[in-house]
Amino acid sequence: MYLFHTRGSHEVYQRKQWSCLNIWLTLCLFPRTCVSNPSKPNFLLILADDLGIGDVGCYGNDTIRTPNIDGLAEEGVRLTQHIAAAAVCTPSRAAFLTGRYPIRSGMASSTQRQVLFWNGCSGGLPPNETTFARILRQRGYSTALVGKWHMGVNCKSRRDHCHHPLNHGFDYFYGMPFTLLNECQGTGDPELAKSLQDTYWFYTQMIILAVFTLLIGKLANLFSVKWKIVICLAICGLLYFISWFSSYGLTKYWNCILMRNHDITEQPMNLEKTTSNMLKEAVSFIERNKHRPFLLFVSLLHVHTPLITTEKFQGRSRHGLYGDNVEEMDWMVGRLLDAIDKEGLKNATFIYFASDHGGSLEAHRGNAQFGGWNGIYKGGTTWKAHYATPVFQPEASGGCFGRGICPCFGDGVTHHDPPLLFDLSKDPSEANPLSADTEPLFDTVTRRMGEAVEEHRKTLTPVPQQLSPYNSIWKPWLQPCCGTFPFCWCDEEKKVDGIL
């Protein structure tokens, strides 16, 4: 069975999700309705990263070629009301794996830090959470995750792997424990807390200027200052620089790594070979497990910036590097489908394609747009209410280009009382907010929404906040390292290629 879906838009106020877990469990319990083999069906789940709903042909795009993804939609089911639980990676993926809102697992944040920032931080998906991988493994499935994780690695020590995929129901993991960043390629502006890094660098420059001013003044006898003060300020400035540059300045080594199970295979990762390596691992898993039920979760690095694209796909699309990356992603989907067909598993495999959320409007390099297209949609279901909306930059752009990502709280949002209410069945682009004058049910709908929010809050129990400031900071003692810290670099993939 083919099930196709691109998830909701990148607007940060979008929060609703329909549980995929219920669909998969239903198929496990009633397999005769979907597959010819009455035994346990296989599951191939393919999740794109930051793909916009308007970027593929089956949702209306006629300028980017996605024949393999379009084929899934044509032969299967195309979902239109299956919405992401969050507009950024970490909480959205936590909800995808567990079938629960991220606030229930502590994977939602009320601060600017809405995702995990480091492999070497202590936050991540709690070990006590039940994932669909764990459920299926308990039922005799062979389970694997190939690709992006971005839900933590360690808790208290470098080797406890408490948040690792292998601690969440997967028998095998090959991929990136973090997410792609511009820093991985070393081109363009840094993505990881750019404004914070700029602030750190500004303060460092001020300290350097102060030291040189005092030094020149001392040597030129312009004013009297003790050498101890100059030396002390210089040492403090050096320590300050080391303290922040040791993390942000070496992001490529700390975050851009590949792992096989618990072992690091590339640090930093070789981006030129990442696509082929991941595809090879996914196909190999299908071949190894063709005689037993399996779950293969292929979590693609496409189409997240910096849009790593192999040479044969560069320049092929009409939409620059982003279009090239989408078309390469579609090619990868096609190779996975070929592997399923080759092993005679098509009628025994449930195939699901989705995006973790919509396209990142703010992604760009210079004047070139590097993000996806969300079409007319902003996300939501039949009725949708906005109690707060981001202050878009520029106004009415639908994005926050000045900040890089739209906030949910603080001075970056506008609050609405009563909320902005839209009827998406008639106004899917959310262009015309309703009012009590134009909609007779306005008060009834907003009151019921308020009651639903209160009912939901009563069901919440306190849990550790995985994205808290402490859990979000980089901790050297938690940093995955394939050498002797801080000398962390290796290329085990090259050794394997040499043997082969």
Protein backbone atom coordinates (compact mmCIF):
# COMPACT_ATOMS: atom_id res chain seq x y z
CA MET A 1 0.00 0.00 0.00
CA TYR A 2 1.27 3.47 -0.82
CA LEU A 3 0.42 6.39 1.45
CA PHE A 4 1.67 9.81 0.45
CA HIS A 5 1.64 13.06 2.34
CA THR A 6 3.54 16.31 2.65
CA ARG A 7 3.05 17.73 6.09
CA GLY A 8 1.82 21.20 7.09
CA SER A 9 3.52 24.53 6.59
CA HIS A 10 6.52 26.06 8.34
CA GLU A 11 4.42 28.62 10.26
CA VAL A 12 5.52 28.33 13.88
CA TYR A 13 2.05 28.61 15.33
CA GLN A 14 0.95 25.39 13.63
CA ARG A 15 0.51 22.67 16.24
CA LYS A 16 -1.98 19.95 15.21
CA GLN A 17 -1.04 16.37 14.33
CA TRP A 18 -3.01 13.28 13.39
CA SER A 19 -1.30 10.22 14.84
CA CYS A 20 0.42 8.04 12.26
CA LEU A 21 0.84 5.44 14.99
CA ASN A 22 -2.88 4.63 14.93
CA ILE A 23 -2.72 4.02 11.17
CA TRP A 24 0.25 1.67 11.44
CA LEU A 25 -1.17 -0.27 14.38
CA THR A 26 -4.45 -0.66 12.55
CA LEU A 27 -2.61 -2.09 9.56
CA CYS A 28 -0.74 -4.48 11.83
CA LEU A 29 -4.00 -5.70 13.35
CA PHE A 30 -5.93 -5.87 10.06
CA PRO A 31 -3.31 -6.55 7.36
CA ARG A 32 -5.72 -8.33 5.01
CA THR A 33 -7.28 -5.00 4.11
CA CYS A 34 -4.08 -3.64 2.61
CA VAL A 35 -1.68 -6.38 1.57
CA SER A 36 -1.92 -9.70 -0.17
CA ASN A 37 0.25 -11.41 2.44
CA PRO A 38 -1.88 -12.09 5.54
CA SER A 39 1.22 -12.15 7.76
CA LYS A 40 2.91 -9.06 9.16
CA PRO A 41 3.36 -6.28 6.55
CA ASN A 42 6.65 -4.44 6.11
CA PHE A 43 6.86 -0.71 6.71
CA LEU A 44 8.94 1.72 4.64
CA LEU A 45 8.63 5.24 6.02
CA ILE A 46 10.32 8.07 4.09
CA LEU A 47 10.47 11.47 5.77
CA ALA A 48 11.75 14.53 3.90
CA ASP A 49 13.24 17.51 5.73
CA ASP A 50 11.65 20.95 5.16
CA LEU A 51 9.81 19.94 1.97
CA GLY A 52 7.02 22.33 1.02
CA ILE A 53 3.63 20.97 -0.02
CA GLY A 54 3.91 22.93 -3.25
CA ASP A 55 7.25 21.39 -4.24
CA VAL A 56 5.95 18.11 -5.70
CA GLY A 57 3.87 17.37 -8.75
CA CYS A 58 0.99 15.54 -7.07
CA TYR A 59 0.21 18.72 -5.11
CA GLY A 60 0.23 20.94 -8.15
CA ASN A 61 3.87 21.70 -8.99
CA ASP A 62 4.43 21.42 -12.75
CA THR A 63 7.99 22.77 -12.90
CA ILE A 64 9.89 20.39 -10.59
CA ARG A 65 10.03 16.77 -11.73
CA THR A 66 9.01 14.29 -9.01
CA PRO A 67 7.73 11.22 -10.94
CA ASN A 68 8.49 8.68 -8.22
CA ILE A 69 6.74 10.60 -5.45
CA ASP A 70 3.86 11.39 -7.80
CA GLY A 71 3.60 7.68 -8.54
CA LEU A 72 3.11 6.95 -4.85
CA ALA A 73 0.22 9.38 -4.75
CA GLU A 74 -1.33 8.00 -7.93
CA GLU A 75 -1.20 4.36 -6.80
CA GLY A 76 -2.07 5.01 -3.18
CA VAL A 77 -3.66 7.60 -0.93
CA ARG A 78 -2.88 11.33 -0.96
CA LEU A 79 -3.55 12.96 2.40
CA THR A 80 -4.56 16.60 2.71
CA GLN A 81 -5.50 16.94 6.40
CA HIS A 82 -2.57 15.23 8.09
CA ILE A 83 -0.77 18.02 9.87
CA ALA A 84 2.62 18.29 11.58
CA ALA A 85 2.73 18.76 15.34
CA ALA A 86 5.32 21.53 15.11
CA ALA A 87 7.01 23.71 12.53
CA VAL A 88 10.58 22.80 13.45
CA CYS A 89 12.43 19.49 13.39
CA THR A 90 12.99 18.27 16.95
CA PRO A 91 9.43 18.54 18.33
CA SER A 92 7.83 17.53 15.03
CA ARG A 93 9.90 14.35 14.81
CA ALA A 94 9.30 13.52 18.47
CA ALA A 95 5.57 13.62 17.77
CA PHE A 96 5.99 11.59 14.59
CA LEU A 97 7.81 8.79 16.44
CA THR A 98 5.55 8.70 19.49
CA GLY A 99 2.13 9.76 18.21
CA ARG A 100 1.99 12.27 21.08
CA TYR A 101 2.18 16.04 21.20
CA PRO A 102 5.80 17.06 21.93
CA ILE A 103 4.72 18.98 25.04
CA ARG A 104 3.91 15.61 26.67
CA SER A 105 7.48 14.38 26.32
CA GLY A 106 9.15 17.68 27.20
CA MET A 107 10.21 18.18 23.58
CA ALA A 108 8.33 21.47 23.13
CA SER A 109 9.80 24.81 24.17
CA SER A 110 8.43 28.20 25.14
CA THR A 111 11.77 29.90 24.40
CA GLN A 112 13.70 30.78 21.27
CA ARG A 113 15.45 27.39 21.50
CA GLN A 114 12.82 25.25 19.81
CA VAL A 115 15.21 22.52 18.58
CA LEU A 116 18.32 20.76 19.84
CA PHE A 117 21.44 22.77 19.04
CA TRP A 118 24.19 20.21 19.70
CA ASN A 119 25.06 16.54 19.60
CA GLY A 120 26.82 17.32 22.85
CA CYS A 121 23.79 18.58 24.76
CA SER A 122 21.83 16.62 27.37
CA GLY A 123 18.35 17.12 25.92
CA GLY A 124 16.57 14.62 23.72
CA LEU A 125 13.70 12.19 23.39
CA PRO A 126 13.28 10.63 26.87
CA PRO A 127 14.08 6.90 27.08
CA ASN A 128 10.68 6.15 28.63
CA GLU A 129 8.78 7.33 25.55
CA THR A 130 7.10 4.62 23.45
CA THR A 131 7.92 4.87 19.75
CA PHE A 132 6.36 2.94 16.87
CA ALA A 133 9.78 1.31 16.36
CA ARG A 134 9.70 -0.11 19.89
CA ILE A 135 6.17 -1.45 19.41
CA LEU A 136 7.04 -3.16 16.15
CA ARG A 137 10.30 -4.62 17.49
CA GLN A 138 8.31 -6.17 20.34
CA ARG A 139 6.15 -7.80 17.66
CA GLY A 140 9.12 -9.42 15.98
CA TYR A 141 10.08 -6.78 13.44
CA SER A 142 13.60 -5.92 12.39
CA THR A 143 13.83 -2.14 12.73
CA ALA A 144 16.23 0.41 11.27
CA LEU A 145 16.65 4.15 10.97
CA VAL A 146 18.75 5.47 8.10
CA GLY A 147 19.32 9.22 7.94
CA LYS A 148 18.60 12.13 10.24
CA TRP A 149 17.75 11.78 13.94
CA HIS A 150 18.02 15.23 15.66
CA MET A 151 16.56 14.02 18.96
CA GLY A 152 19.63 13.79 21.16
CA VAL A 153 22.41 11.34 21.87
CA ASN A 154 23.64 11.33 25.48
CA CYS A 155 22.39 12.32 28.93
CA LYS A 156 25.18 12.17 31.51
CA SER A 157 28.23 10.70 29.82
CA ARG A 158 29.70 10.44 26.35
CA ARG A 159 28.76 6.78 26.03
CA ASP A 160 25.41 6.40 27.78
CA HIS A 161 23.47 6.90 24.47
CA CYS A 162 20.24 7.43 26.40
CA HIS A 163 18.58 9.41 23.58
CA HIS A 164 20.13 7.38 20.77
CA PRO A 165 17.89 5.65 18.17
CA LEU A 166 19.05 2.25 19.44
CA ASN A 167 17.53 3.15 22.79
CA HIS A 168 14.17 3.92 21.14
CA GLY A 169 13.32 0.67 19.41
CA PHE A 170 15.65 0.64 16.42
CA ASP A 171 17.93 -2.39 15.94
CA TYR A 172 20.14 -0.54 13.48
CA PHE A 173 21.08 3.08 12.92
CA TYR A 174 23.14 4.66 10.19
CA GLY A 175 23.04 8.36 9.66
CA MET A 176 23.34 11.78 11.17
CA PRO A 177 22.46 12.13 14.85
CA PHE A 178 22.00 15.87 14.30
CA THR A 179 20.82 17.82 11.23
CA LEU A 180 22.41 19.45 8.21
CA LEU A 181 23.64 23.02 8.68
CA ASN A 182 25.47 25.55 6.55
CA GLU A 183 28.39 24.94 8.89
CA CYS A 184 28.64 21.37 7.58
CA GLN A 185 29.57 22.71 4.16
CA GLY A 186 31.54 25.69 5.38
CA THR A 187 29.83 28.09 2.98
CA GLY A 188 27.39 30.90 3.58
CA ASP A 189 26.30 32.35 6.88
CA PRO A 190 26.24 30.04 9.90
CA GLU A 191 22.79 28.73 10.81
CA LEU A 192 23.45 27.83 14.42
CA ALA A 193 22.49 30.84 16.56
CA LYS A 194 23.98 33.33 14.10
CA SER A 195 22.83 36.39 16.08
CA LEU A 196 24.31 34.92 19.26
CA GLN A 197 27.62 34.23 17.55
CA ASP A 198 27.67 37.76 16.18
CA THR A 199 27.15 39.08 19.71
CA TYR A 200 29.96 36.91 21.10
CA TRP A 201 32.30 38.07 18.33
CA PHE A 202 31.35 41.72 18.91
CA TYR A 203 32.23 41.44 22.62
CA THR A 204 35.48 39.70 21.72
CA GLN A 205 36.41 42.56 19.40
CA MET A 206 35.62 45.09 22.14
CA ILE A 207 37.94 43.25 24.53
CA ILE A 208 40.70 43.12 21.91
CA LEU A 209 40.26 46.85 21.24
CA ALA A 210 40.43 47.60 24.96
CA VAL A 211 43.62 45.55 25.38
CA PHE A 212 45.33 47.26 22.42
CA THR A 213 44.24 50.69 23.66
CA LEU A 214 45.73 50.05 27.08
CA LEU A 215 48.87 48.51 25.58
CA ILE A 216 49.51 51.42 23.21
CA GLY A 217 48.72 53.93 25.94
CA LYS A 218 51.14 52.19 28.28
CA LEU A 219 53.97 51.99 25.74
CA ALA A 220 53.49 55.58 24.57
CA ASN A 221 53.19 56.89 28.14
CA LEU A 222 49.83 58.43 27.26
CA PHE A 223 48.40 57.30 30.60
CA SER A 224 49.48 55.25 33.58
CA VAL A 225 48.20 51.69 33.83
CA LYS A 226 49.68 48.66 35.55
CA TRP A 227 50.95 45.79 33.44
CA LYS A 228 48.93 43.40 35.62
CA ILE A 229 45.70 45.03 34.42
CA VAL A 230 46.67 44.75 30.75
CA ILE A 231 47.76 41.11 31.14
CA CYS A 232 44.67 40.21 33.19
CA LEU A 233 42.33 41.75 30.61
CA ALA A 234 44.15 39.98 27.79
CA ILE A 235 43.89 36.60 29.56
CA CYS A 236 40.20 37.14 30.33
CA GLY A 237 39.57 38.04 26.69
CA LEU A 238 41.39 34.94 25.51
CA LEU A 239 39.43 32.70 27.87
CA TYR A 240 36.17 34.32 26.80
CA PHE A 241 37.01 33.73 23.14
CA ILE A 242 37.98 30.09 23.77
CA SER A 243 34.82 29.48 25.80
CA TRP A 244 32.45 30.28 22.94
CA PHE A 245 34.60 29.47 19.92
CA SER A 246 35.32 25.97 21.24
CA SER A 247 31.66 25.17 20.52
CA TYR A 248 30.39 27.49 17.79
CA GLY A 249 33.66 27.75 15.92
CA LEU A 250 33.98 23.96 15.59
CA THR A 251 30.37 23.15 14.75
CA LYS A 252 31.44 21.14 11.70
CA TYR A 253 33.29 18.71 13.97
CA TRP A 254 30.76 18.62 16.80
CA ASN A 255 27.50 18.32 14.84
CA CYS A 256 28.25 17.24 11.28
CA ILE A 257 29.04 13.59 11.91
CA LEU A 258 27.86 10.18 10.74
CA MET A 259 27.27 7.19 13.00
CA ARG A 260 26.71 3.50 12.51
CA ASN A 261 24.89 2.29 15.60
CA HIS A 262 26.96 3.70 18.49
CA ASP A 263 30.17 4.18 16.48
CA ILE A 264 31.17 7.36 14.65
CA THR A 265 32.18 6.62 11.07
CA GLU A 266 32.89 10.15 9.83
CA GLN A 267 33.79 13.24 11.84
CA PRO A 268 33.26 15.58 10.10
CA MET A 269 31.11 13.89 7.49
CA ASN A 270 32.05 13.79 3.80
CA LEU A 271 29.08 15.53 2.20
CA GLU A 272 29.99 14.41 -1.32
CA LYS A 273 29.34 10.77 -0.41
CA THR A 274 26.56 11.12 2.16
CA THR A 275 23.66 10.64 -0.27
CA SER A 276 25.10 7.49 -1.85
CA ASN A 277 26.11 6.07 1.53
CA MET A 278 22.64 6.50 3.00
CA LEU A 279 20.93 5.05 -0.05
CA LYS A 280 23.30 2.08 -0.01
CA GLU A 281 22.57 1.44 3.68
CA ALA A 282 18.81 1.60 3.16
CA VAL A 283 18.85 -0.78 0.18
CA SER A 284 21.18 -3.15 2.00
CA PHE A 285 18.80 -3.32 4.96
CA ILE A 286 15.90 -4.24 2.65
CA GLU A 287 17.99 -6.99 1.05
CA ARG A 288 19.11 -8.39 4.41
CA ASN A 289 15.60 -8.49 5.85
CA LYS A 290 13.50 -9.55 2.87
CA HIS A 291 12.54 -12.81 4.55
CA ARG A 292 11.28 -11.29 7.80
CA PRO A 293 8.96 -8.40 8.67
CA PHE A 294 10.81 -5.09 8.87
CA LEU A 295 10.41 -1.42 9.62
CA LEU A 296 12.74 0.85 7.66
CA PHE A 297 12.55 4.54 8.52
CA VAL A 298 14.49 6.54 5.91
CA SER A 299 14.85 10.03 7.36
CA LEU A 300 16.21 12.03 4.44
CA LEU A 301 18.68 14.91 4.74
CA HIS A 302 16.99 16.41 1.66
CA VAL A 303 15.84 19.18 1.30
CA HIS A 304 17.38 20.96 4.28
CA THR A 305 20.00 23.64 3.70
CA PRO A 306 22.75 23.72 2.55
CA LEU A 307 21.05 21.53 -0.09
CA ILE A 308 23.79 18.97 -0.57
CA THR A 309 23.30 17.77 -4.16
CA THR A 310 25.45 15.39 -6.18
CA GLU A 311 26.99 16.68 -9.40
CA LYS A 312 24.72 14.76 -11.77
CA PHE A 313 21.65 16.56 -10.41
CA GLN A 314 23.11 20.06 -10.24
CA GLY A 315 21.60 22.44 -12.76
CA ARG A 316 18.88 20.02 -13.89
CA SER A 317 15.84 21.81 -12.51
CA ARG A 318 14.25 25.17 -13.31
CA HIS A 319 14.41 26.27 -9.67
CA GLY A 320 18.09 26.43 -8.92
CA LEU A 321 19.80 24.34 -6.28
CA TYR A 322 16.60 23.81 -4.30
CA GLY A 323 14.83 22.32 -7.30
CA ASP A 324 17.90 20.18 -8.03
CA ASN A 325 17.80 18.86 -4.47
CA VAL A 326 14.10 18.01 -4.68
CA GLU A 327 14.65 16.10 -7.91
CA GLU A 328 17.57 14.18 -6.39
CA MET A 329 15.35 13.34 -3.41
CA ASP A 330 12.71 11.98 -5.79
CA TRP A 331 15.40 9.86 -7.47
CA MET A 332 16.33 8.43 -4.06
CA VAL A 333 12.68 7.57 -3.42
CA GLY A 334 12.64 5.79 -6.77
CA ARG A 335 15.69 3.69 -5.87
CA LEU A 336 14.05 2.64 -2.60
CA LEU A 337 10.90 1.62 -4.46
CA ASP A 338 13.02 -0.32 -6.96
CA ALA A 339 14.64 -2.21 -4.08
CA ILE A 340 11.22 -3.14 -2.71
CA ASP A 341 10.07 -4.30 -6.17
CA LYS A 342 13.28 -6.23 -6.81
CA GLU A 343 12.75 -8.33 -3.70
CA GLY A 344 9.09 -8.96 -4.55
CA LEU A 345 7.87 -7.03 -1.50
CA LYS A 346 5.62 -4.43 -3.10
CA ASN A 347 2.35 -6.10 -2.14
CA ALA A 348 3.59 -6.81 1.38
CA THR A 349 4.96 -3.34 2.21
CA PHE A 350 3.21 -0.26 3.53
CA ILE A 351 5.03 2.78 2.10
CA TYR A 352 4.54 6.20 3.63
CA PHE A 353 6.12 9.43 2.37
CA ALA A 354 5.88 12.73 4.23
CA SER A 355 7.77 15.87 5.22
CA ASP A 356 8.54 16.66 8.85
CA HIS A 357 6.88 20.06 8.26
CA GLY A 358 6.61 22.62 5.48
CA GLY A 359 9.25 24.53 3.58
CA SER A 360 11.60 26.92 5.33
CA LEU A 361 10.73 30.27 3.76
CA GLU A 362 13.64 32.10 5.37
CA ALA A 363 16.36 29.83 3.99
CA HIS A 364 18.52 31.75 1.53
CA ARG A 365 22.07 32.40 0.37
CA GLY A 366 22.56 35.97 -0.72
CA ASN A 367 19.57 36.80 -2.91
CA ALA A 368 18.93 33.15 -3.82
CA GLN A 369 15.93 31.50 -2.18
CA PHE A 370 16.95 28.15 -0.66
CA GLY A 371 13.65 27.20 0.97
CA GLY A 372 10.57 25.41 -0.25
CA TRP A 373 7.16 26.57 -1.37
CA ASN A 374 4.10 25.98 0.79
CA GLY A 375 1.62 26.96 -1.90
CA ILE A 376 -1.41 28.80 -0.58
CA TYR A 377 -1.33 27.03 2.76
CA LYS A 378 -0.37 28.12 6.24
CA GLY A 379 -1.43 24.89 7.93
CA GLY A 380 -4.37 23.83 10.11
CA THR A 381 -7.72 21.98 9.88
CA THR A 382 -11.38 23.01 9.15
CA TRP A 383 -11.50 25.75 11.70
CA LYS A 384 -8.26 27.44 12.68
CA ALA A 385 -7.69 30.14 15.28
CA HIS A 386 -4.59 32.28 15.80
CA TYR A 387 -4.21 33.57 19.35
CA ALA A 388 -0.80 34.95 18.37
CA THR A 389 0.90 35.46 15.03
CA PRO A 390 4.53 36.22 14.23
CA VAL A 391 5.57 39.75 13.32
CA PHE A 392 6.54 38.97 9.74
CA GLN A 393 9.67 40.60 8.32
CA PRO A 394 8.99 42.12 5.85
CA GLU A 395 5.31 42.62 6.55
CA ALA A 396 2.93 40.18 4.82
CA SER A 397 5.87 38.08 3.60
CA GLY A 398 4.75 35.04 5.55
CA GLY A 399 8.28 34.66 6.93
CA CYS A 400 10.65 36.19 9.46
CA PHE A 401 13.68 36.89 7.29
CA GLY A 402 15.28 39.21 9.84
CA ARG A 403 15.25 36.57 12.59
CA GLY A 404 15.79 33.48 10.45
CA ILE A 405 12.84 31.72 12.08
CA CYS A 406 9.54 33.01 13.40
CA PRO A 407 9.15 33.07 17.19
CA CYS A 408 6.13 31.87 19.16
CA PHE A 409 6.59 34.12 22.19
CA GLY A 410 7.93 37.47 23.31
CA ASP A 411 8.20 40.67 21.33
CA GLY A 412 8.26 38.82 18.02
CA VAL A 413 4.54 38.01 18.07
CA THR A 414 1.23 39.89 17.99
CA HIS A 415 -1.50 38.66 20.34
CA HIS A 416 -5.15 38.53 19.24
CA ASP A 417 -8.18 38.76 21.52
CA PRO A 418 -10.51 37.53 20.18
CA PRO A 419 -8.38 35.18 18.07
CA LEU A 420 -8.16 35.37 14.32
CA LEU A 421 -10.55 32.69 13.09
CA PHE A 422 -10.54 31.14 9.61
CA ASP A 423 -12.79 28.62 7.88
CA LEU A 424 -10.25 26.65 5.89
CA SER A 425 -12.89 24.79 3.92
CA LYS A 426 -13.70 28.12 2.22
CA ASP A 427 -10.51 30.09 2.83
CA PRO A 428 -7.54 27.66 2.77
CA SER A 429 -5.00 30.46 2.39
CA GLU A 430 -6.28 32.19 5.54
CA ALA A 431 -6.70 35.52 3.79
CA ASN A 432 -9.99 36.66 5.36
CA PRO A 433 -10.39 36.34 9.14
CA LEU A 434 -13.93 35.82 10.35
CA SER A 435 -15.70 37.93 12.97
CA ALA A 436 -18.89 37.78 14.99
CA ASP A 437 -20.50 39.98 12.34
CA THR A 438 -19.62 37.72 9.41
CA GLU A 439 -19.90 34.30 11.07
CA PRO A 440 -22.91 33.39 13.26
CA LEU A 441 -20.96 30.54 14.88
CA PHE A 442 -17.94 32.73 15.73
CA ASP A 443 -18.58 32.89 19.48
CA THR A 444 -19.56 29.23 19.66
CA VAL A 445 -16.43 28.06 17.83
CA THR A 446 -13.99 30.26 19.78
CA ARG A 447 -15.61 29.25 23.08
CA ARG A 448 -15.34 25.56 22.22
CA MET A 449 -11.69 26.02 21.22
CA GLY A 450 -10.97 27.68 24.55
CA GLU A 451 -12.65 24.81 26.37
CA ALA A 452 -10.65 22.29 24.36
CA VAL A 453 -7.41 24.04 25.32
CA GLU A 454 -8.33 23.88 29.01
CA GLU A 455 -9.34 20.23 28.74
CA HIS A 456 -6.02 19.47 27.07
CA ARG A 457 -4.02 21.30 29.75
CA LYS A 458 -5.71 19.24 32.48
CA THR A 459 -4.35 16.06 30.92
CA LEU A 460 -0.73 17.27 31.00
CA THR A 461 1.68 16.03 33.65
CA PRO A 462 4.98 17.74 34.55
CA VAL A 463 7.95 16.29 32.66
CA PRO A 464 11.61 17.36 32.37
CA GLN A 465 11.98 20.08 29.76
CA GLN A 466 14.40 18.65 27.22
CA LEU A 467 14.96 22.02 25.51
CA SER A 468 15.61 23.99 28.69
CA PRO A 469 18.64 26.31 28.73
CA TYR A 470 20.68 23.75 30.68
CA ASN A 471 19.74 20.83 28.44
CA SER A 472 20.38 22.92 25.32
CA ILE A 473 23.93 24.11 26.00
CA TRP A 474 26.95 22.27 24.60
CA LYS A 475 28.68 20.05 27.16
CA PRO A 476 32.16 18.82 26.22
CA TRP A 477 31.78 15.66 28.32
CA LEU A 478 28.74 14.62 26.24
CA GLN A 479 30.23 15.33 22.83
CA PRO A 480 30.40 12.22 20.61
CA CYS A 481 34.04 11.84 19.60
CA CYS A 482 35.83 9.20 17.53
CA GLY A 483 39.25 10.20 18.84
CA THR A 484 40.62 11.60 22.08
CA PHE A 485 38.63 14.71 22.89
CA PRO A 486 39.05 17.42 21.63
CA PHE A 487 40.91 15.81 18.72
CA CYS A 488 37.78 14.34 17.18
CA TRP A 489 38.12 13.38 13.57
CA CYS A 490 38.04 10.12 11.60
CA ASP A 491 36.90 8.57 8.33
CA GLU A 492 35.97 4.96 8.90
CA GLU A 493 33.88 5.01 5.72
CA LYS A 494 37.05 5.54 3.71
CA LYS A 495 38.59 2.47 5.31
CA VAL A 496 35.51 0.40 4.43
CA ASP A 497 35.61 1.64 0.82
CA GLY A 498 39.29 0.69 0.67
CA ILE A 499 38.54 -2.87 1.82
CA LEU A 500 35.66 -3.22 -0.63
